[in-house]
Amino acid sequence: MEKLTQQEESAMQAVWKAGKGFVKDFLEEHADPVPPYTTLASTIKNLEKKGFLQSRKIGNVYEYTPVIAEADYKQKFMNGFVKNYFENSYKELVTFFAKEKKISPDELKEIINMIEKGK
């Protein structure tokens, strides 16, 4: 699975949020700043070419459906991110956030509880 550009990721976030739909639907779900219609339409076509979306023609427009689930993309992206930036160690990732004070002791306790309960 190919890593998406920032623009493509933003478009996919809108698609995943909508579930399926038309470019106009994805504009409504797109986070700010919302791109022009034509820019989003081009990005959606590129995502289809890359295999992230499939389409079916309804009248004069195309309805798009995600082929790649959001959870699958997140898992692939995070595995690569941890491998490339944290020596393939989730412990290093958590340590980084703790040192940067981006995660609180209470949040760490919550994570430990989740791990211990197997969630």
Protein backbone atom coordinates (compact mmCIF):
# COMPACT_ATOMS: atom_id res chain seq x y z
CA MET A 1 0.00 0.00 0.00
CA GLU A 2 1.39 3.33 -1.08
CA LYS A 3 1.80 6.25 1.35
CA LEU A 4 -0.59 9.06 0.49
CA THR A 5 0.28 12.72 0.15
CA GLN A 6 -1.19 15.16 2.68
CA GLN A 7 -3.79 16.25 0.12
CA GLU A 8 -4.73 12.64 -0.62
CA GLU A 9 -4.94 11.78 3.08
CA SER A 10 -7.27 14.72 3.68
CA ALA A 11 -9.47 13.58 0.80
CA MET A 12 -9.51 10.00 2.11
CA GLN A 13 -10.46 11.24 5.58
CA ALA A 14 -13.49 12.93 4.00
CA VAL A 15 -14.35 9.78 2.03
CA TRP A 16 -14.05 7.56 5.11
CA LYS A 17 -16.21 10.00 7.07
CA ALA A 18 -18.88 9.99 4.36
CA GLY A 19 -18.65 6.23 3.81
CA LYS A 20 -19.31 6.57 0.10
CA GLY A 21 -20.61 9.31 -2.13
CA PHE A 22 -19.94 11.93 -4.73
CA VAL A 23 -17.28 14.64 -4.81
CA LYS A 24 -19.79 17.17 -3.48
CA ASP A 25 -20.42 14.90 -0.46
CA PHE A 26 -16.70 14.75 0.25
CA LEU A 27 -16.46 18.54 0.08
CA GLU A 28 -19.01 18.73 2.89
CA GLU A 29 -16.99 16.28 5.02
CA HIS A 30 -13.57 17.75 4.20
CA ALA A 31 -11.65 19.43 7.01
CA ASP A 32 -10.66 23.08 6.64
CA PRO A 33 -9.22 24.41 4.45
CA VAL A 34 -11.68 22.92 1.98
CA PRO A 35 -10.13 22.66 -1.50
CA PRO A 36 -11.90 23.83 -4.65
CA TYR A 37 -14.25 21.27 -6.20
CA THR A 38 -11.98 20.67 -9.19
CA THR A 39 -8.93 20.07 -6.98
CA LEU A 40 -10.79 17.54 -4.86
CA ALA A 41 -12.22 15.85 -7.96
CA SER A 42 -8.67 15.43 -9.36
CA THR A 43 -7.42 14.08 -6.04
CA ILE A 44 -10.33 11.61 -5.91
CA LYS A 45 -9.51 10.40 -9.45
CA ASN A 46 -5.87 9.91 -8.42
CA LEU A 47 -6.98 7.92 -5.39
CA GLU A 48 -9.05 5.72 -7.67
CA LYS A 49 -6.02 5.16 -9.95
CA LYS A 50 -3.94 4.22 -6.89
CA GLY A 51 -6.57 1.66 -5.86
CA PHE A 52 -7.87 3.41 -2.75
CA LEU A 53 -11.31 4.07 -4.25
CA GLN A 54 -13.64 2.45 -6.73
CA SER A 55 -16.34 4.21 -8.69
CA ARG A 56 -19.55 3.55 -10.49
CA LYS A 57 -21.17 5.91 -12.93
CA ILE A 58 -24.66 7.10 -12.06
CA GLY A 59 -26.01 9.33 -14.79
CA ASN A 60 -23.35 11.95 -15.44
CA VAL A 61 -21.52 11.62 -12.11
CA TYR A 62 -19.43 9.03 -10.32
CA GLU A 63 -20.14 7.60 -6.90
CA TYR A 64 -16.99 6.60 -5.02
CA THR A 65 -16.52 3.92 -2.39
CA PRO A 66 -13.36 3.27 -0.38
CA VAL A 67 -11.52 0.07 -1.22
CA ILE A 68 -9.05 0.47 1.65
CA ALA A 69 -10.53 0.64 5.16
CA GLU A 70 -9.38 3.51 7.36
CA ALA A 71 -8.19 1.08 10.05
CA ASP A 72 -6.08 -0.85 7.52
CA TYR A 73 -4.43 2.36 6.27
CA LYS A 74 -3.77 3.55 9.84
CA GLN A 75 -2.19 0.23 10.76
CA LYS A 76 0.07 0.19 7.69
CA PHE A 77 1.02 3.85 8.14
CA MET A 78 1.71 3.53 11.87
CA ASN A 79 3.80 0.39 11.42
CA GLY A 80 5.94 2.23 8.85
CA PHE A 81 6.10 5.35 11.00
CA VAL A 82 7.26 3.43 14.07
CA LYS A 83 9.75 1.46 11.99
CA ASN A 84 11.23 4.55 10.30
CA TYR A 85 11.27 6.98 13.23
CA PHE A 86 11.34 4.87 16.40
CA GLU A 87 13.59 1.91 15.53
CA ASN A 88 10.51 -0.32 15.21
CA SER A 89 9.78 0.14 18.93
CA TYR A 90 6.40 1.25 20.23
CA LYS A 91 8.10 1.70 23.60
CA GLU A 92 10.33 4.35 21.97
CA LEU A 93 7.22 6.00 20.52
CA VAL A 94 5.50 6.21 23.91
CA THR A 95 8.75 7.35 25.55
CA PHE A 96 9.03 10.15 22.98
CA PHE A 97 5.52 11.40 23.76
CA ALA A 98 6.12 11.15 27.51
CA LYS A 99 9.36 13.15 27.26
CA GLU A 100 7.65 15.76 25.10
CA LYS A 101 4.83 15.92 27.67
CA LYS A 102 2.29 15.04 24.98
CA ILE A 103 0.87 12.23 27.11
CA SER A 104 -0.12 12.52 30.76
CA PRO A 105 0.54 10.00 33.54
CA ASP A 106 -3.21 9.33 33.68
CA GLU A 107 -3.26 8.57 29.96
CA LEU A 108 -0.29 6.22 30.38
CA LYS A 109 -2.12 4.42 33.20
CA GLU A 110 -5.17 4.12 30.95
CA ILE A 111 -3.01 2.61 28.18
CA ILE A 112 -1.46 0.14 30.64
CA ASN A 113 -4.94 -0.87 31.83
CA MET A 114 -6.03 -1.42 28.23
CA ILE A 115 -2.98 -3.57 27.52
CA GLU A 116 -3.46 -5.61 30.68
CA LYS A 117 -7.13 -6.21 29.86
CA GLY A 118 -6.20 -7.20 26.29
CA LYS A 119 -8.19 -4.45 24.59
